[in-house]
Structure formats: C-alpha cells, structure tokens
Amino acid sequence: MAINEKHCTPCEGGTPPLKEQDEDKLMNEIEEWELNREGTHTLQKKFTFDNFKEAMEFVKKVADLANEENHHPDMHISYNKVIIELTTHKIDGLSENDFILASKIDNLQTQPTGAS
C-alpha cells in the first residue's frame, strides 16, 4: 500500500522512533522534504505561494487534513511562504505518521483550487 493511502495511527509513549534505515526508505516515498537528524529527527518542507491569501488557504487545508489524521504539524507562516515541520512529539522523533502526513500534504498541492 502506498504511503499516501495509509492513515495515521496513535503513537503510545515508549514507542521508539523510526530507525535511520527506516527513515531512509520512507524518504523515497515523499518528494522534496528535508530530513533533519540533528537532535530530534524532523521532516521539513517550504511551500511558496503567489500571495498571503493562497498561503493561508493552504494552511487551512493542512489543518483540516491534520485533524482528519489526528497528527498535527508545526507550521510557520511568512507572507507567501509556509514551512511545515513534522515530528512525533510523543516519541521524540519520527514515526510512519510523519511520512504519511507529508505525502498527503504533497497531494494537497496537486489538487485544483476548491477541491477537498
């Protein structure tokens, strides 16, 4: 099953974060995300839009998706730029959920305006 067809599942405290070799495999399933392994492992991607309104519409779509998946990213907004950072705080590192949400966020970018 493709990563974007999966759904996030709740992580329990005490569950170990992904091993680096598992992160590397899952990186092949998402595009243009940066993997940061300094300290707590995170995924990060910057999205650029034509204006503030488009950036905020995207943020709203990401927020709706995050609520559906019950996995919430950190988002940083600066006029027409949105930086999304994913990590699983309960396990202090990356889980498969982070890669699932990254893939689904990328799919939001390919949907026409007004699509859900």
N, C-alpha and C. Protein backbone atom coordinates (compact mmCIF):
# COMPACT_ATOMS: atom_id res chain seq x y z
N MET A 1 0.85 -1.19 0.00
CA MET A 1 0.00 0.00 0.00
C MET A 1 0.88 1.24 0.00
N ALA A 2 0.56 2.18 -0.87
CA ALA A 2 1.32 3.43 -0.94
C ALA A 2 1.15 4.22 0.35
N ILE A 3 2.18 4.97 0.70
CA ILE A 3 2.17 5.72 1.96
C ILE A 3 0.99 6.69 2.04
N ASN A 4 0.60 7.30 0.90
CA ASN A 4 -0.50 8.26 0.96
C ASN A 4 -1.87 7.61 1.04
N GLU A 5 -1.92 6.28 0.97
CA GLU A 5 -3.18 5.54 1.13
C GLU A 5 -3.39 5.08 2.58
N LYS A 6 -2.35 5.22 3.38
CA LYS A 6 -2.43 4.82 4.79
C LYS A 6 -3.02 5.96 5.62
N HIS A 7 -3.37 5.65 6.85
CA HIS A 7 -3.85 6.66 7.79
C HIS A 7 -2.98 6.64 9.03
N CYS A 8 -2.85 7.78 9.65
CA CYS A 8 -2.06 7.88 10.88
C CYS A 8 -2.74 7.10 11.99
N THR A 9 -1.90 6.48 12.81
CA THR A 9 -2.40 5.74 13.97
C THR A 9 -1.77 6.33 15.22
N PRO A 10 -2.51 6.37 16.32
CA PRO A 10 -1.97 6.97 17.53
C PRO A 10 -0.69 6.28 18.00
N CYS A 11 0.28 7.08 18.42
CA CYS A 11 1.52 6.54 18.99
C CYS A 11 1.42 6.58 20.50
N GLU A 12 1.93 5.57 21.10
CA GLU A 12 1.97 5.49 22.56
C GLU A 12 3.34 5.96 23.04
N GLY A 13 3.35 6.61 24.19
CA GLY A 13 4.63 6.95 24.80
C GLY A 13 5.40 5.66 25.04
N GLY A 14 6.69 5.68 24.84
CA GLY A 14 7.50 4.49 25.00
C GLY A 14 7.74 3.77 23.68
N THR A 15 6.95 4.10 22.64
CA THR A 15 7.20 3.54 21.30
C THR A 15 8.48 4.18 20.79
N PRO A 16 9.41 3.39 20.27
CA PRO A 16 10.65 4.00 19.79
C PRO A 16 10.44 4.74 18.47
N PRO A 17 11.20 5.81 18.23
CA PRO A 17 11.14 6.47 16.93
C PRO A 17 11.71 5.54 15.85
N LEU A 18 11.45 5.88 14.61
CA LEU A 18 11.98 5.08 13.50
C LEU A 18 13.50 5.03 13.54
N LYS A 19 14.05 3.93 13.09
CA LYS A 19 15.50 3.81 12.92
C LYS A 19 15.88 4.56 11.64
N GLU A 20 17.11 4.99 11.56
CA GLU A 20 17.55 5.78 10.40
C GLU A 20 17.35 5.04 9.09
N GLN A 21 17.57 3.73 9.05
CA GLN A 21 17.38 2.99 7.80
C GLN A 21 15.91 2.98 7.38
N ASP A 22 14.99 2.98 8.35
CA ASP A 22 13.56 3.06 8.04
C ASP A 22 13.19 4.46 7.55
N GLU A 23 13.79 5.48 8.15
CA GLU A 23 13.58 6.85 7.67
C GLU A 23 14.04 6.97 6.22
N ASP A 24 15.22 6.40 5.94
CA ASP A 24 15.77 6.48 4.57
C ASP A 24 14.83 5.83 3.56
N LYS A 25 14.25 4.69 3.90
CA LYS A 25 13.31 4.01 2.99
C LYS A 25 12.08 4.88 2.75
N LEU A 26 11.54 5.44 3.82
CA LEU A 26 10.33 6.24 3.70
C LEU A 26 10.59 7.57 2.98
N MET A 27 11.81 8.08 3.03
CA MET A 27 12.15 9.31 2.31
C MET A 27 11.95 9.12 0.81
N ASN A 28 12.07 7.89 0.32
CA ASN A 28 11.87 7.61 -1.11
C ASN A 28 10.41 7.77 -1.51
N GLU A 29 9.50 7.84 -0.53
CA GLU A 29 8.07 7.91 -0.83
C GLU A 29 7.52 9.34 -0.76
N ILE A 30 8.36 10.29 -0.40
CA ILE A 30 7.92 11.69 -0.35
C ILE A 30 8.92 12.52 -1.16
N GLU A 31 8.44 13.66 -1.65
CA GLU A 31 9.28 14.47 -2.54
C GLU A 31 9.65 15.81 -1.90
N GLU A 32 10.93 16.12 -1.99
CA GLU A 32 11.46 17.43 -1.63
C GLU A 32 11.32 17.81 -0.17
N TRP A 33 11.12 16.84 0.69
CA TRP A 33 11.13 17.10 2.13
C TRP A 33 12.57 16.95 2.60
N GLU A 34 12.96 17.76 3.57
CA GLU A 34 14.29 17.67 4.16
C GLU A 34 14.20 16.86 5.45
N LEU A 35 15.14 15.96 5.61
CA LEU A 35 15.24 15.15 6.83
C LEU A 35 16.34 15.75 7.68
N ASN A 36 15.98 16.18 8.89
CA ASN A 36 16.95 16.75 9.82
C ASN A 36 17.18 15.73 10.93
N ARG A 37 18.41 15.31 11.09
CA ARG A 37 18.75 14.33 12.12
C ARG A 37 19.53 14.93 13.28
N GLU A 38 19.59 16.24 13.35
CA GLU A 38 20.25 16.87 14.49
C GLU A 38 19.24 16.99 15.62
N GLY A 39 19.55 16.45 16.77
CA GLY A 39 18.61 16.45 17.89
C GLY A 39 17.42 15.56 17.56
N THR A 40 16.22 16.07 17.81
CA THR A 40 15.01 15.32 17.47
C THR A 40 14.87 15.29 15.95
N HIS A 41 14.70 14.11 15.37
CA HIS A 41 14.58 14.00 13.93
C HIS A 41 13.27 14.62 13.46
N THR A 42 13.35 15.41 12.38
CA THR A 42 12.18 16.08 11.83
C THR A 42 12.19 16.02 10.31
N LEU A 43 11.01 16.21 9.73
CA LEU A 43 10.86 16.45 8.30
C LEU A 43 10.43 17.89 8.14
N GLN A 44 10.93 18.55 7.10
CA GLN A 44 10.57 19.95 6.88
C GLN A 44 10.48 20.23 5.38
N LYS A 45 9.51 21.07 5.03
CA LYS A 45 9.37 21.49 3.63
C LYS A 45 8.82 22.90 3.59
N LYS A 46 9.35 23.69 2.63
CA LYS A 46 8.87 25.05 2.44
C LYS A 46 7.99 25.09 1.18
N PHE A 47 6.82 25.69 1.32
CA PHE A 47 5.88 25.87 0.22
C PHE A 47 5.78 27.37 -0.05
N THR A 48 5.82 27.76 -1.32
CA THR A 48 5.73 29.17 -1.69
C THR A 48 4.50 29.39 -2.56
N PHE A 49 3.79 30.46 -2.29
CA PHE A 49 2.54 30.79 -2.99
C PHE A 49 2.65 32.18 -3.60
N ASP A 50 1.67 32.54 -4.40
CA ASP A 50 1.68 33.85 -5.05
C ASP A 50 1.40 34.98 -4.08
N ASN A 51 0.66 34.69 -3.00
CA ASN A 51 0.31 35.75 -2.08
C ASN A 51 -0.09 35.16 -0.72
N PHE A 52 -0.36 36.05 0.21
CA PHE A 52 -0.71 35.65 1.57
C PHE A 52 -2.01 34.84 1.61
N LYS A 53 -3.00 35.25 0.85
CA LYS A 53 -4.28 34.56 0.86
C LYS A 53 -4.13 33.10 0.42
N GLU A 54 -3.38 32.85 -0.64
CA GLU A 54 -3.15 31.46 -1.09
C GLU A 54 -2.41 30.66 -0.02
N ALA A 55 -1.45 31.29 0.64
CA ALA A 55 -0.70 30.61 1.70
C ALA A 55 -1.65 30.22 2.83
N MET A 56 -2.54 31.12 3.21
CA MET A 56 -3.47 30.84 4.29
C MET A 56 -4.52 29.79 3.90
N GLU A 57 -4.93 29.78 2.64
CA GLU A 57 -5.86 28.74 2.17
C GLU A 57 -5.19 27.37 2.27
N PHE A 58 -3.90 27.31 1.93
CA PHE A 58 -3.15 26.06 2.05
C PHE A 58 -3.04 25.63 3.51
N VAL A 59 -2.74 26.58 4.40
CA VAL A 59 -2.64 26.28 5.82
C VAL A 59 -3.96 25.70 6.34
N LYS A 60 -5.06 26.25 5.90
CA LYS A 60 -6.38 25.74 6.30
C LYS A 60 -6.58 24.29 5.82
N LYS A 61 -6.18 24.01 4.58
CA LYS A 61 -6.29 22.64 4.06
C LYS A 61 -5.42 21.68 4.87
N VAL A 62 -4.21 22.13 5.21
CA VAL A 62 -3.31 21.29 6.02
C VAL A 62 -3.92 21.06 7.40
N ALA A 63 -4.49 22.10 7.99
CA ALA A 63 -5.11 21.97 9.32
C ALA A 63 -6.27 20.98 9.28
N ASP A 64 -7.10 21.06 8.24
CA ASP A 64 -8.21 20.12 8.11
C ASP A 64 -7.71 18.69 7.96
N LEU A 65 -6.69 18.51 7.12
CA LEU A 65 -6.10 17.19 6.93
C LEU A 65 -5.50 16.66 8.23
N ALA A 66 -4.77 17.52 8.94
CA ALA A 66 -4.14 17.12 10.20
C ALA A 66 -5.19 16.68 11.21
N ASN A 67 -6.31 17.38 11.26
CA ASN A 67 -7.38 16.97 12.18
C ASN A 67 -7.98 15.64 11.77
N GLU A 68 -8.16 15.41 10.47
CA GLU A 68 -8.69 14.13 9.98
C GLU A 68 -7.75 12.98 10.37
N GLU A 69 -6.45 13.22 10.25
CA GLU A 69 -5.45 12.19 10.53
C GLU A 69 -5.06 12.14 12.01
N ASN A 70 -5.47 13.14 12.77
CA ASN A 70 -5.10 13.25 14.19
C ASN A 70 -3.58 13.23 14.38
N HIS A 71 -2.91 13.96 13.51
CA HIS A 71 -1.45 14.11 13.58
C HIS A 71 -1.16 15.53 13.11
N HIS A 72 -0.57 16.35 13.97
CA HIS A 72 -0.54 17.79 13.74
C HIS A 72 0.89 18.31 13.56
N PRO A 73 1.13 18.99 12.45
CA PRO A 73 2.47 19.55 12.19
C PRO A 73 2.65 20.90 12.87
N ASP A 74 3.89 21.34 12.94
CA ASP A 74 4.20 22.72 13.29
C ASP A 74 4.22 23.48 11.96
N MET A 75 3.58 24.65 11.93
CA MET A 75 3.55 25.44 10.70
C MET A 75 4.03 26.85 11.00
N HIS A 76 4.87 27.35 10.11
CA HIS A 76 5.43 28.70 10.23
C HIS A 76 5.04 29.45 8.96
N ILE A 77 4.42 30.61 9.13
CA ILE A 77 3.89 31.38 8.00
C ILE A 77 4.61 32.72 7.92
N SER A 78 5.06 33.05 6.73
CA SER A 78 5.67 34.36 6.48
C SER A 78 5.20 34.84 5.11
N TYR A 79 4.19 35.69 5.11
CA TYR A 79 3.53 36.24 3.93
C TYR A 79 3.12 35.14 2.95
N ASN A 80 3.93 34.83 1.94
CA ASN A 80 3.54 33.84 0.93
C ASN A 80 4.29 32.52 1.09
N LYS A 81 4.94 32.34 2.22
CA LYS A 81 5.71 31.11 2.46
C LYS A 81 5.15 30.38 3.68
N VAL A 82 5.07 29.06 3.56
CA VAL A 82 4.64 28.22 4.67
C VAL A 82 5.69 27.14 4.84
N ILE A 83 6.24 27.06 6.03
CA ILE A 83 7.18 25.98 6.35
C ILE A 83 6.46 25.00 7.26
N ILE A 84 6.45 23.75 6.84
CA ILE A 84 5.80 22.71 7.63
C ILE A 84 6.88 21.80 8.20
N GLU A 85 6.78 21.55 9.49
CA GLU A 85 7.73 20.68 10.18
C GLU A 85 6.95 19.55 10.84
N LEU A 86 7.40 18.34 10.60
CA LEU A 86 6.75 17.16 11.15
C LEU A 86 7.70 16.39 12.05
N THR A 87 7.18 15.97 13.18
CA THR A 87 7.85 15.05 14.09
C THR A 87 6.76 14.50 15.00
N THR A 88 7.02 13.39 15.64
CA THR A 88 6.04 12.82 16.56
C THR A 88 6.52 13.13 17.97
N HIS A 89 5.89 14.14 18.59
CA HIS A 89 6.35 14.64 19.88
C HIS A 89 6.31 13.57 20.97
N LYS A 90 5.31 12.69 20.94
CA LYS A 90 5.19 11.67 22.00
C LYS A 90 6.38 10.73 22.05
N ILE A 91 7.03 10.52 20.89
CA ILE A 91 8.16 9.58 20.86
C ILE A 91 9.49 10.30 20.63
N ASP A 92 9.44 11.64 20.57
CA ASP A 92 10.64 12.46 20.42
C ASP A 92 11.44 12.06 19.18
N GLY A 93 10.72 11.92 18.05
CA GLY A 93 11.38 11.56 16.80
C GLY A 93 10.35 11.32 15.72
N LEU A 94 10.78 10.68 14.66
CA LEU A 94 9.88 10.42 13.53
C LEU A 94 9.19 9.07 13.65
N SER A 95 7.93 9.07 13.23
CA SER A 95 7.16 7.83 13.12
C SER A 95 6.65 7.75 11.69
N GLU A 96 6.07 6.62 11.33
CA GLU A 96 5.49 6.48 10.00
C GLU A 96 4.42 7.55 9.77
N ASN A 97 3.73 7.98 10.83
CA ASN A 97 2.71 9.01 10.72
C ASN A 97 3.24 10.29 10.06
N ASP A 98 4.47 10.65 10.37
CA ASP A 98 5.06 11.87 9.81
C ASP A 98 5.19 11.75 8.29
N PHE A 99 5.57 10.58 7.82
CA PHE A 99 5.72 10.36 6.39
C PHE A 99 4.36 10.25 5.69
N ILE A 100 3.40 9.66 6.37
CA ILE A 100 2.03 9.59 5.83
C ILE A 100 1.49 11.00 5.64
N LEU A 101 1.61 11.83 6.67
CA LEU A 101 1.09 13.19 6.58
C LEU A 101 1.85 14.01 5.54
N ALA A 102 3.16 13.84 5.46
CA ALA A 102 3.95 14.56 4.44
C ALA A 102 3.44 14.23 3.05
N SER A 103 3.21 12.97 2.78
CA SER A 103 2.71 12.55 1.47
C SER A 103 1.34 13.14 1.18
N LYS A 104 0.48 13.13 2.18
CA LYS A 104 -0.87 13.67 1.99
C LYS A 104 -0.84 15.20 1.83
N ILE A 105 0.07 15.87 2.48
CA ILE A 105 0.22 17.31 2.30
C ILE A 105 0.66 17.60 0.88
N ASP A 106 1.58 16.81 0.35
CA ASP A 106 2.01 16.98 -1.03
C ASP A 106 0.83 16.80 -1.99
N ASN A 107 -0.06 15.87 -1.69
CA ASN A 107 -1.23 15.66 -2.54
C ASN A 107 -2.15 16.88 -2.53
N LEU A 108 -2.19 17.62 -1.42
CA LEU A 108 -2.99 18.85 -1.38
C LEU A 108 -2.51 19.84 -2.44
N GLN A 109 -1.20 19.86 -2.67
CA GLN A 109 -0.61 20.78 -3.63
C GLN A 109 -1.06 20.47 -5.05
N THR A 110 -1.42 19.23 -5.34
CA THR A 110 -1.76 18.85 -6.71
C THR A 110 -3.25 18.95 -6.97
N GLN A 111 -4.04 19.22 -5.94
CA GLN A 111 -5.49 19.34 -6.13
C GLN A 111 -5.83 20.72 -6.67
N PRO A 112 -6.79 20.79 -7.58
CA PRO A 112 -7.20 22.11 -8.08
C PRO A 112 -7.86 22.93 -6.98
N THR A 113 -7.86 24.24 -7.12
CA THR A 113 -8.49 25.13 -6.15
C THR A 113 -9.95 24.74 -5.96
N GLY A 114 -10.36 24.70 -4.70
CA GLY A 114 -11.74 24.32 -4.39
C GLY A 114 -11.92 22.84 -4.15
N ALA A 115 -10.90 22.03 -4.46
CA ALA A 115 -11.01 20.59 -4.21
C ALA A 115 -10.79 20.32 -2.74
N SER A 116 -11.35 19.22 -2.26
CA SER A 116 -11.12 18.87 -0.85
C SER A 116 -10.26 17.66 -0.74
